[in-house]
Amino acid sequence: MSFKPLTQDKESLQALAFSMRQEKGSDITQDELKEAMMDLSQIKSSVRKCCDIDYSKLTTRFNNWYEIGSEKDVEEWTNSSVWVANSVIPSRFIKGSDYVFSNEIGDPTFRGAFREIAKDISKNAKDSVVKKIYSSLAKGTGDKWNPADVLAIKKSKMSQITNQMKAFQKGNPTYKSSSTIGNVATKSLDIVKDMEMLYQYNQFVDDNYKSGNCVPISLKKVSPTSKEIKAQTTPSVKVKSFDHKEAKGIQDSLSLKLDVTNVKYETTNAKCIVEFTLAGEKGHVMDIRGFQSGMANDVQMQLQKGAAANHGKATLGTFTLITKLSQGRIAFSKQRALLRKLFPKKKIPTGSSRERHAFTAFSIFVDYDKKATGDFSKRTFKMDIPIWAEYLEFLSGKKHKKKDTISYLVKTCDQNPTAALKWLKNKIQSYEVGQVVDKAQTQIKSLVKESIMKSIYTQAASKGFRIFRDKKITDYMSASSYLKVGG
């Protein structure tokens, strides 16, 4: 029997390392963290009081992780937690040595307040576009507003800060910023008035972040580079502050330089890759693929630099909304028009009950796999292969030849029909996304394609929900301040 750690386990391990490093006042070691992990009941009361995790679950889970989990997993995560704690606690962002490190209030209270504000905006906004956007944002986890995994909160301010978060959650905060949305608008920047309450919440988070009273910390696992391994040195830990006070983050977006340089339609890989430069720097990609097993799910877009997933992900629903708001709707119309022509007697559905979007629905491929009869069934799949192959050729601008798709699918289908269908589902959805921003194709203008990519990058990287259009930005959701560590 093995043990697979959950996200909560990893975040809680980091909170424990933070608390131990704070209490010790000097660097902790991997062995010290492992010892605490094996038996939480033996840690000092001063460490326990500053580590707000679910001890009723984690005492057993940590022990199981250490005893029957992957040795490699334990080594990597305890090392990473120690390196991060030893870098962050003595940094200028942590002011003093009286913090409580919590991963318990993040989702229900900290991001929970954002979700309630988003729900209120979706119901009461005067702008129909705002209502639509916030209907989508309210359904999410809130991590695109703030991706913090652990909150470092001054012990003396804990009750005051959490109570104010709960007040925002209930829609009756006593906190009022001295700034208003109108004070920060410029002729190139349009901040939506309906988000006044969210603006106030961002200011509340930022004020406490700057004072050091509450520091939201977003975590990525730290791994040593090959050079650091060879030199047997402790890895350098990246620590970056994301300051979104007032309109600073949005104003930074006005000078955002992003250029799509290539879209790769690879013949056998079940994905599509969009290459782009960021501020002139090469090596950035949007990797569009399926991130889950099984057929009943959509592809997602992971934006990254090299092999590091350091920009974040976006969904098809978000991409659809951004494309429509960026005047790129015609790209979807061209795709749908060809599908109607290719399948004159069949209706090709889009989206799903979980998330509405403008791309081909995964349900088609589930039906091909499961149903014996019907428009999309085991009986019709092989007959439809040439049609889907023609569609892929169109989406790729004829870079992915029809004959190659037919050859690959027929061969794979004979061996594993389900694998063939999953490949086709991922391929079609990823190519549909890739075509929208492919500068080599002419469905929409290049400037619109760049605007779409800027918005997707901004949203995926937890910088906000912004639409770039006509040299102007409309800000629909600004992210709040946080400290990004590792990655």
Protein backbone atom coordinates (compact mmCIF):
# COMPACT_ATOMS: atom_id res chain seq x y z
CA MET A 1 0.00 0.00 0.00
CA SER A 2 1.40 3.42 -0.98
CA PHE A 3 0.53 6.96 0.02
CA LYS A 4 -0.02 9.82 -2.42
CA PRO A 5 0.12 13.31 -0.85
CA LEU A 6 -2.71 15.75 -1.51
CA THR A 7 -2.26 19.46 -2.20
CA GLN A 8 -3.37 20.13 1.40
CA ASP A 9 -0.57 17.86 2.68
CA LYS A 10 2.10 19.75 0.71
CA GLU A 11 0.80 23.18 1.75
CA SER A 12 0.55 22.08 5.39
CA LEU A 13 4.11 20.72 5.31
CA GLN A 14 5.27 24.13 4.12
CA ALA A 15 3.30 25.89 6.88
CA LEU A 16 4.97 23.58 9.41
CA ALA A 17 8.42 24.39 7.99
CA PHE A 18 7.67 28.12 8.17
CA SER A 19 6.63 27.82 11.83
CA MET A 20 9.69 25.75 12.75
CA ARG A 21 12.05 28.20 11.02
CA GLN A 22 10.41 31.15 12.79
CA GLU A 23 10.62 29.48 16.23
CA LYS A 24 14.25 28.38 15.77
CA GLY A 25 15.47 31.77 14.55
CA SER A 26 18.00 30.17 12.21
CA ASP A 27 17.98 27.74 9.29
CA ILE A 28 16.18 24.44 9.83
CA THR A 29 17.35 21.14 8.33
CA GLN A 30 15.57 18.49 6.34
CA ASP A 31 16.07 16.00 9.19
CA GLU A 32 14.33 18.36 11.64
CA LEU A 33 11.31 18.66 9.34
CA LYS A 34 11.20 14.90 8.76
CA GLU A 35 11.26 14.28 12.50
CA ALA A 36 8.33 16.65 13.00
CA MET A 37 6.52 15.08 10.08
CA MET A 38 6.81 11.59 11.62
CA ASP A 39 5.13 12.64 14.87
CA LEU A 40 3.30 15.98 15.02
CA SER A 41 2.39 15.37 18.67
CA GLN A 42 6.06 15.84 19.60
CA ILE A 43 6.56 19.31 18.10
CA LYS A 44 6.97 22.25 20.47
CA SER A 45 3.80 23.99 21.58
CA SER A 46 5.28 27.29 20.31
CA VAL A 47 5.57 25.74 16.84
CA ARG A 48 2.06 24.26 16.99
CA LYS A 49 0.50 27.59 18.02
CA CYS A 50 2.00 29.25 14.95
CA CYS A 51 1.07 26.50 12.50
CA ASP A 52 -2.62 26.60 11.61
CA ILE A 53 -3.16 23.23 9.93
CA ASP A 54 -5.67 20.41 10.45
CA TYR A 55 -3.85 18.30 13.05
CA SER A 56 -6.75 15.83 13.33
CA LYS A 57 -6.07 14.73 9.74
CA LEU A 58 -2.42 15.56 9.25
CA THR A 59 -0.93 13.73 12.23
CA THR A 60 -1.84 10.46 10.52
CA ARG A 61 -1.37 11.68 6.94
CA PHE A 62 2.15 13.04 7.54
CA ASN A 63 3.17 9.80 9.24
CA ASN A 64 1.76 7.71 6.38
CA TRP A 65 3.41 9.95 3.82
CA TYR A 66 6.78 9.45 5.51
CA GLU A 67 6.38 5.73 6.21
CA ILE A 68 4.67 4.37 3.08
CA GLY A 69 4.84 7.22 0.59
CA SER A 70 7.33 7.48 -2.25
CA GLU A 71 10.81 8.08 -0.83
CA LYS A 72 11.54 10.39 -3.77
CA ASP A 73 8.37 12.36 -3.03
CA VAL A 74 9.26 12.77 0.64
CA GLU A 75 12.81 13.85 -0.21
CA GLU A 76 11.72 16.42 -2.80
CA TRP A 77 8.93 18.01 -0.76
CA THR A 78 10.77 18.14 2.59
CA ASN A 79 13.81 19.63 0.83
CA SER A 80 11.67 22.18 -0.99
CA SER A 81 9.79 23.14 2.20
CA VAL A 82 13.05 23.65 4.11
CA TRP A 83 14.66 25.70 1.33
CA VAL A 84 11.58 27.90 1.01
CA ALA A 85 11.24 28.44 4.78
CA ASN A 86 14.93 29.31 5.14
CA SER A 87 14.59 31.88 2.34
CA VAL A 88 11.23 33.48 3.15
CA ILE A 89 11.28 33.81 6.96
CA PRO A 90 14.40 36.05 7.11
CA SER A 91 13.26 38.05 4.04
CA ARG A 92 12.04 41.66 4.14
CA PHE A 93 8.47 40.47 3.53
CA ILE A 94 8.19 38.79 6.94
CA LYS A 95 8.41 41.52 9.55
CA GLY A 96 9.22 40.04 12.95
CA SER A 97 8.80 36.60 14.47
CA ASP A 98 5.21 36.42 15.67
CA TYR A 99 3.32 34.99 12.69
CA VAL A 100 0.74 32.25 12.40
CA PHE A 101 1.14 30.28 9.17
CA SER A 102 -2.22 29.07 7.92
CA ASN A 103 -3.53 27.05 5.02
CA GLU A 104 -6.86 26.62 6.81
CA ILE A 105 -8.46 30.02 6.23
CA GLY A 106 -7.30 30.45 2.62
CA ASP A 107 -10.11 28.78 0.73
CA PRO A 108 -13.13 29.23 3.02
CA THR A 109 -12.38 32.75 4.25
CA PHE A 110 -9.68 34.57 2.26
CA ARG A 111 -10.71 33.42 -1.25
CA GLY A 112 -14.21 32.70 0.03
CA ALA A 113 -14.72 36.44 0.44
CA PHE A 114 -13.66 36.97 -3.18
CA ARG A 115 -16.13 34.33 -4.38
CA GLU A 116 -19.00 35.96 -2.48
CA ILE A 117 -18.08 39.37 -3.89
CA ALA A 118 -17.97 37.79 -7.36
CA LYS A 119 -21.42 36.23 -6.83
CA ASP A 120 -22.82 39.59 -5.76
CA ILE A 121 -21.35 41.30 -8.84
CA SER A 122 -22.75 38.57 -11.12
CA LYS A 123 -26.24 39.19 -9.72
CA ASN A 124 -26.26 42.97 -9.37
CA ALA A 125 -23.85 44.44 -11.93
CA LYS A 126 -25.38 46.97 -14.30
CA ASP A 127 -23.04 46.00 -17.15
CA SER A 128 -24.18 42.80 -18.92
CA VAL A 129 -20.58 41.88 -19.80
CA VAL A 130 -19.55 42.22 -16.16
CA LYS A 131 -22.44 39.97 -15.11
CA LYS A 132 -21.30 37.33 -17.60
CA ILE A 133 -17.65 37.47 -16.52
CA TYR A 134 -18.42 37.31 -12.82
CA SER A 135 -20.87 34.45 -13.28
CA SER A 136 -17.82 32.53 -14.51
CA LEU A 137 -15.39 33.87 -11.87
CA ALA A 138 -17.78 33.07 -9.01
CA LYS A 139 -17.75 29.39 -9.98
CA GLY A 140 -13.97 29.11 -9.76
CA THR A 141 -11.72 28.50 -6.78
CA GLY A 142 -10.66 32.14 -6.57
CA ASP A 143 -6.98 31.32 -7.13
CA LYS A 144 -6.84 33.52 -10.23
CA TRP A 145 -7.71 36.42 -7.94
CA ASN A 146 -5.05 35.33 -5.46
CA PRO A 147 -3.11 32.03 -5.72
CA ALA A 148 -1.79 32.06 -2.15
CA ASP A 149 -1.35 28.60 -0.60
CA VAL A 150 -0.31 29.76 2.88
CA LEU A 151 -1.15 32.99 4.70
CA ALA A 152 1.37 34.43 7.16
CA ILE A 153 -0.65 36.49 9.64
CA LYS A 154 0.62 38.44 12.66
CA LYS A 155 -0.60 36.61 15.76
CA SER A 156 -1.81 39.85 17.35
CA LYS A 157 -3.80 40.72 14.18
CA MET A 158 -5.25 37.27 13.48
CA SER A 159 -8.77 37.86 14.83
CA GLN A 160 -9.03 41.37 13.42
CA ILE A 161 -7.94 40.33 9.92
CA THR A 162 -10.04 37.17 9.70
CA ASN A 163 -13.09 39.03 11.02
CA GLN A 164 -12.67 41.68 8.35
CA MET A 165 -12.38 38.99 5.67
CA LYS A 166 -15.62 37.48 6.95
CA ALA A 167 -17.23 40.93 6.87
CA PHE A 168 -16.29 41.26 3.20
CA GLN A 169 -17.70 37.78 2.69
CA LYS A 170 -21.04 38.92 4.16
CA GLY A 171 -21.00 42.13 2.12
CA ASN A 172 -20.74 44.54 5.07
CA PRO A 173 -17.04 45.41 5.60
CA THR A 174 -16.09 48.28 7.91
CA TYR A 175 -12.76 48.74 6.07
CA LYS A 176 -12.72 51.65 3.65
CA SER A 177 -9.80 52.58 1.42
CA SER A 178 -8.88 56.23 1.07
CA SER A 179 -8.66 55.67 -2.70
CA THR A 180 -11.56 55.11 -5.08
CA ILE A 181 -11.68 53.56 -8.51
CA GLY A 182 -12.21 56.96 -10.11
CA ASN A 183 -8.92 58.26 -8.68
CA VAL A 184 -6.81 55.80 -10.66
CA ALA A 185 -8.49 55.68 -14.06
CA THR A 186 -6.60 57.01 -17.08
CA LYS A 187 -7.54 57.64 -20.70
CA SER A 188 -5.91 54.29 -21.61
CA LEU A 189 -7.41 52.39 -18.71
CA ASP A 190 -11.04 51.60 -18.00
CA ILE A 191 -11.74 50.12 -14.57
CA VAL A 192 -15.27 48.73 -14.35
CA LYS A 193 -17.36 50.58 -11.76
CA ASP A 194 -19.30 47.47 -10.76
CA MET A 195 -16.20 46.08 -9.02
CA GLU A 196 -16.04 48.74 -6.28
CA MET A 197 -16.38 46.18 -3.47
CA LEU A 198 -13.66 43.98 -4.97
CA TYR A 199 -11.45 47.03 -5.35
CA GLN A 200 -11.89 47.74 -1.64
CA TYR A 201 -11.06 44.12 -0.78
CA ASN A 202 -7.90 44.31 -2.89
CA GLN A 203 -6.90 47.47 -1.04
CA PHE A 204 -7.54 45.74 2.30
CA VAL A 205 -5.30 42.81 1.26
CA ASP A 206 -2.64 45.17 -0.09
CA ASP A 207 -2.57 47.38 3.02
CA ASN A 208 -2.01 44.34 5.25
CA TYR A 209 0.53 42.88 2.82
CA LYS A 210 2.58 46.10 2.84
CA SER A 211 2.45 46.43 6.62
CA GLY A 212 3.41 42.77 7.01
CA ASN A 213 0.26 42.01 9.00
CA CYS A 214 -0.95 39.42 6.45
CA VAL A 215 1.32 38.04 3.72
CA PRO A 216 -0.35 35.70 1.18
CA ILE A 217 2.30 33.26 -0.11
CA SER A 218 1.96 31.35 -3.39
CA LEU A 219 4.17 28.26 -3.50
CA LYS A 220 5.85 26.19 -6.19
CA LYS A 221 8.12 23.24 -5.48
CA VAL A 222 11.81 24.18 -5.53
CA SER A 223 14.13 21.79 -7.36
CA PRO A 224 17.90 22.22 -7.75
CA THR A 225 19.32 22.88 -11.20
CA SER A 226 21.84 20.43 -12.69
CA LYS A 227 24.55 23.02 -12.00
CA GLU A 228 23.52 23.27 -8.33
CA ILE A 229 23.41 19.48 -8.00
CA LYS A 230 26.91 19.18 -9.46
CA ALA A 231 28.26 21.89 -7.14
CA GLN A 232 26.34 20.39 -4.18
CA THR A 233 24.99 23.82 -3.26
CA THR A 234 21.62 24.78 -1.80
CA PRO A 235 19.25 25.87 -4.57
CA SER A 236 18.45 29.52 -4.94
CA VAL A 237 14.78 30.17 -4.14
CA LYS A 238 12.96 32.67 -6.35
CA VAL A 239 10.94 35.14 -4.29
CA LYS A 240 8.88 37.70 -6.20
CA SER A 241 6.42 40.25 -4.87
CA PHE A 242 3.23 40.87 -6.85
CA ASP A 243 2.07 44.30 -5.81
CA HIS A 244 -1.36 45.22 -7.14
CA LYS A 245 -2.01 48.29 -5.04
CA GLU A 246 -4.60 50.53 -6.66
CA ALA A 247 -4.12 50.28 -10.45
CA LYS A 248 -0.39 49.50 -10.50
CA GLY A 249 -0.85 45.99 -11.88
CA ILE A 250 -3.21 47.24 -14.56
CA GLN A 251 -0.98 50.15 -15.52
CA ASP A 252 1.91 47.68 -15.91
CA SER A 253 -0.28 45.84 -18.40
CA LEU A 254 -0.37 48.88 -20.67
CA SER A 255 3.29 48.25 -21.51
CA LEU A 256 2.97 44.45 -21.74
CA LYS A 257 4.87 43.22 -24.81
CA LEU A 258 3.74 39.80 -26.01
CA ASP A 259 4.26 38.51 -29.53
CA VAL A 260 3.00 35.19 -30.93
CA THR A 261 5.88 33.79 -32.98
CA ASN A 262 4.67 30.33 -34.02
CA VAL A 263 1.92 27.73 -33.60
CA LYS A 264 3.11 24.12 -33.76
CA TYR A 265 0.69 21.49 -35.07
CA GLU A 266 2.61 18.28 -34.39
CA THR A 267 1.35 15.21 -36.21
CA THR A 268 1.24 12.60 -33.44
CA ASN A 269 1.25 14.54 -30.14
CA ALA A 270 -2.26 15.02 -28.80
CA LYS A 271 -1.80 18.76 -28.34
CA CYS A 272 -0.95 22.12 -29.90
CA ILE A 273 1.83 24.50 -28.84
CA VAL A 274 1.74 28.29 -29.21
CA GLU A 275 5.17 29.90 -28.97
CA PHE A 276 5.45 33.53 -27.90
CA THR A 277 7.92 36.11 -26.64
CA LEU A 278 7.37 38.11 -23.47
CA ALA A 279 9.12 41.48 -23.30
CA GLY A 280 11.30 40.20 -26.13
CA GLU A 281 12.31 37.07 -24.22
CA LYS A 282 12.01 33.81 -26.17
CA GLY A 283 11.08 30.39 -24.79
CA HIS A 284 7.53 31.07 -23.61
CA VAL A 285 4.80 28.67 -24.73
CA MET A 286 1.11 27.98 -24.33
CA ASP A 287 0.83 24.20 -24.15
CA ILE A 288 -2.74 23.23 -25.07
CA ARG A 289 -3.56 19.63 -24.08
CA GLY A 290 -5.59 17.33 -21.89
CA PHE A 291 -4.37 17.36 -18.30
CA GLN A 292 -6.76 14.70 -16.98
CA SER A 293 -7.18 11.01 -17.68
CA GLY A 294 -10.34 9.74 -19.32
CA MET A 295 -12.45 11.26 -22.08
CA ALA A 296 -15.01 13.39 -20.22
CA ASN A 297 -12.97 16.57 -19.85
CA ASP A 298 -11.73 19.51 -21.89
CA VAL A 299 -8.18 20.46 -22.78
CA GLN A 300 -6.64 23.38 -20.92
CA MET A 301 -3.97 25.93 -21.73
CA GLN A 302 -0.81 25.89 -19.64
CA LEU A 303 1.37 28.96 -20.10
CA GLN A 304 4.99 28.40 -19.21
CA LYS A 305 8.64 29.29 -19.76
CA GLY A 306 10.61 26.26 -20.91
CA ALA A 307 9.61 23.20 -18.88
CA ALA A 308 8.51 25.20 -15.82
CA ALA A 309 4.74 25.68 -15.45
CA ASN A 310 5.29 29.15 -14.03
CA HIS A 311 2.57 31.23 -15.73
CA GLY A 312 -0.49 29.14 -14.79
CA LYS A 313 -3.46 27.63 -16.63
CA ALA A 314 -6.60 28.83 -18.39
CA THR A 315 -9.76 26.97 -19.40
CA LEU A 316 -11.70 26.83 -22.66
CA GLY A 317 -14.51 28.84 -21.06
CA THR A 318 -12.13 31.65 -20.16
CA PHE A 319 -10.52 31.54 -23.61
CA THR A 320 -13.96 31.73 -25.25
CA LEU A 321 -15.04 34.72 -23.19
CA ILE A 322 -11.78 36.58 -23.81
CA THR A 323 -11.90 35.89 -27.56
CA LYS A 324 -15.45 37.19 -27.88
CA LEU A 325 -14.72 40.31 -25.83
CA SER A 326 -11.59 40.92 -27.94
CA GLN A 327 -13.62 40.98 -31.19
CA GLY A 328 -12.39 37.54 -32.23
CA ARG A 329 -15.81 35.86 -32.43
CA ILE A 330 -15.49 35.36 -36.20
CA ALA A 331 -12.79 32.71 -35.58
CA PHE A 332 -15.41 30.55 -33.88
CA SER A 333 -17.93 31.27 -36.66
CA LYS A 334 -15.49 30.00 -39.31
CA GLN A 335 -14.91 26.78 -37.35
CA ARG A 336 -18.62 26.17 -36.81
CA ALA A 337 -19.42 26.93 -40.46
CA LEU A 338 -17.00 24.29 -41.70
CA LEU A 339 -18.29 21.71 -39.23
CA ARG A 340 -21.84 22.30 -40.47
CA LYS A 341 -20.60 21.76 -44.00
CA LEU A 342 -18.62 18.62 -43.10
CA PHE A 343 -21.46 17.16 -41.00
CA PRO A 344 -24.62 18.39 -42.82
CA LYS A 345 -26.91 15.93 -41.06
CA LYS A 346 -25.38 16.08 -37.57
CA LYS A 347 -25.32 18.76 -34.90
CA ILE A 348 -21.88 19.35 -33.43
CA PRO A 349 -22.38 20.53 -29.81
CA THR A 350 -20.05 22.95 -28.04
CA GLY A 351 -19.07 23.25 -24.38
CA SER A 352 -20.44 21.08 -21.60
CA SER A 353 -22.80 21.26 -18.64
CA ARG A 354 -19.77 22.02 -16.46
CA GLU A 355 -18.40 24.88 -18.55
CA ARG A 356 -19.82 26.68 -21.53
CA HIS A 357 -17.38 27.36 -24.34
CA ALA A 358 -17.32 27.71 -28.13
CA PHE A 359 -15.20 24.63 -28.88
CA THR A 360 -16.18 21.11 -29.90
CA ALA A 361 -17.73 19.25 -26.96
CA PHE A 362 -15.94 16.25 -25.46
CA SER A 363 -19.34 14.51 -25.22
CA ILE A 364 -19.09 13.64 -28.94
CA PHE A 365 -16.07 11.44 -28.29
CA VAL A 366 -17.58 9.91 -25.16
CA ASP A 367 -20.56 8.91 -27.33
CA TYR A 368 -18.28 7.45 -30.01
CA ASP A 369 -16.65 5.37 -27.29
CA LYS A 370 -19.75 4.24 -25.38
CA LYS A 371 -22.82 4.25 -27.63
CA ALA A 372 -23.71 1.41 -29.98
CA THR A 373 -25.93 3.51 -32.24
CA GLY A 374 -26.63 7.18 -32.97
CA ASP A 375 -24.99 10.08 -34.79
CA PHE A 376 -21.83 9.64 -32.73
CA SER A 377 -21.38 5.98 -31.86
CA LYS A 378 -19.11 2.99 -32.29
CA ARG A 379 -20.95 2.33 -35.55
CA THR A 380 -20.16 5.77 -37.06
CA PHE A 381 -16.66 6.53 -35.75
CA LYS A 382 -14.59 4.90 -38.49
CA MET A 383 -16.83 6.43 -41.16
CA ASP A 384 -16.30 9.87 -39.60
CA ILE A 385 -12.49 9.63 -39.37
CA PRO A 386 -11.87 11.20 -42.84
CA ILE A 387 -14.21 14.10 -41.96
CA TRP A 388 -12.42 14.88 -38.70
CA ALA A 389 -9.10 14.54 -40.56
CA GLU A 390 -10.23 17.21 -43.04
CA TYR A 391 -11.25 19.47 -40.16
CA LEU A 392 -7.81 19.09 -38.50
CA GLU A 393 -6.14 19.96 -41.81
CA PHE A 394 -8.22 23.16 -41.96
CA LEU A 395 -7.48 24.08 -38.33
CA SER A 396 -3.74 23.62 -38.81
CA GLY A 397 -3.62 25.71 -41.98
CA LYS A 398 -2.86 22.49 -43.92
CA LYS A 399 0.25 21.78 -41.80
CA HIS A 400 -1.29 18.58 -40.45
CA LYS A 401 -2.20 16.57 -43.53
CA LYS A 402 -5.49 14.69 -43.77
CA LYS A 403 -3.76 11.46 -44.83
CA ASP A 404 -1.53 11.51 -41.73
CA THR A 405 -4.52 11.80 -39.41
CA ILE A 406 -6.36 8.95 -41.15
CA SER A 407 -3.28 6.72 -41.06
CA TYR A 408 -2.63 7.39 -37.37
CA LEU A 409 -6.26 6.98 -36.27
CA VAL A 410 -6.95 3.80 -38.24
CA LYS A 411 -3.79 2.18 -36.88
CA THR A 412 -4.46 3.29 -33.28
CA CYS A 413 -8.15 2.44 -33.49
CA ASP A 414 -7.38 -1.16 -34.42
CA GLN A 415 -5.28 -1.53 -31.29
CA ASN A 416 -7.12 0.74 -28.82
CA PRO A 417 -10.27 2.60 -29.97
CA THR A 418 -10.57 4.55 -26.70
CA ALA A 419 -6.99 5.81 -27.00
CA ALA A 420 -7.67 6.88 -30.59
CA LEU A 421 -10.77 8.82 -29.52
CA LYS A 422 -9.01 10.53 -26.63
CA TRP A 423 -6.20 11.57 -28.98
CA LEU A 424 -8.73 12.95 -31.48
CA LYS A 425 -10.70 14.85 -28.82
CA ASN A 426 -7.56 16.49 -27.44
CA LYS A 427 -6.25 17.19 -30.93
CA ILE A 428 -9.42 18.87 -32.17
CA GLN A 429 -9.92 21.07 -29.11
CA SER A 430 -6.24 22.09 -28.94
CA TYR A 431 -6.09 22.87 -32.67
CA GLU A 432 -9.28 24.94 -32.40
CA VAL A 433 -7.60 27.06 -29.73
CA GLY A 434 -4.30 27.23 -31.63
CA GLN A 435 -5.98 28.41 -34.83
CA VAL A 436 -7.59 31.38 -33.06
CA VAL A 437 -4.16 32.92 -32.26
CA ASP A 438 -2.20 31.57 -35.25
CA LYS A 439 -0.80 34.61 -37.09
CA ALA A 440 -0.24 32.51 -40.22
CA GLN A 441 -4.02 32.27 -40.64
CA THR A 442 -6.40 35.06 -41.57
CA GLN A 443 -9.68 34.41 -39.73
CA ILE A 444 -9.05 37.43 -37.47
CA LYS A 445 -6.52 40.28 -37.44
CA SER A 446 -3.05 39.79 -35.95
CA LEU A 447 -3.64 42.60 -33.45
CA VAL A 448 -6.74 40.81 -32.15
CA LYS A 449 -4.76 37.57 -31.79
CA GLU A 450 -2.11 39.37 -29.72
CA SER A 451 -4.80 41.00 -27.59
CA ILE A 452 -6.33 37.57 -26.89
CA MET A 453 -2.95 36.14 -25.89
CA LYS A 454 -2.21 39.11 -23.60
CA SER A 455 -5.54 38.61 -21.84
CA ILE A 456 -5.03 34.84 -21.51
CA TYR A 457 -1.50 35.32 -20.17
CA THR A 458 -2.69 37.95 -17.67
CA GLN A 459 -5.53 35.74 -16.42
CA ALA A 460 -3.50 32.50 -16.29
CA ALA A 461 -0.69 34.23 -14.40
CA SER A 462 -3.13 35.49 -11.72
CA LYS A 463 -2.67 39.12 -12.70
CA GLY A 464 -6.34 39.83 -13.36
CA PHE A 465 -9.08 39.55 -15.98
CA ARG A 466 -8.34 42.23 -18.57
CA ILE A 467 -9.37 42.83 -22.14
CA PHE A 468 -6.83 44.51 -24.43
CA ARG A 469 -8.50 46.34 -27.31
CA ASP A 470 -7.83 49.42 -29.45
CA LYS A 471 -4.80 50.40 -27.36
CA LYS A 472 -7.00 50.42 -24.27
CA ILE A 473 -7.43 47.98 -21.41
CA THR A 474 -10.71 47.23 -19.68
CA ASP A 475 -10.07 45.77 -16.25
CA TYR A 476 -12.78 43.36 -15.10
CA MET A 477 -10.91 41.75 -12.21
CA SER A 478 -7.64 42.78 -10.59
CA ALA A 479 -5.65 40.23 -8.65
CA SER A 480 -4.59 41.19 -5.13
CA SER A 481 -1.08 41.31 -3.68
CA TYR A 482 0.88 38.18 -2.83
CA LEU A 483 4.38 36.74 -2.58
CA LYS A 484 5.28 34.15 -5.22
CA VAL A 485 7.91 31.68 -4.05
CA GLY A 486 9.74 28.91 -5.94
CA GLY A 487 9.02 27.53 -9.38
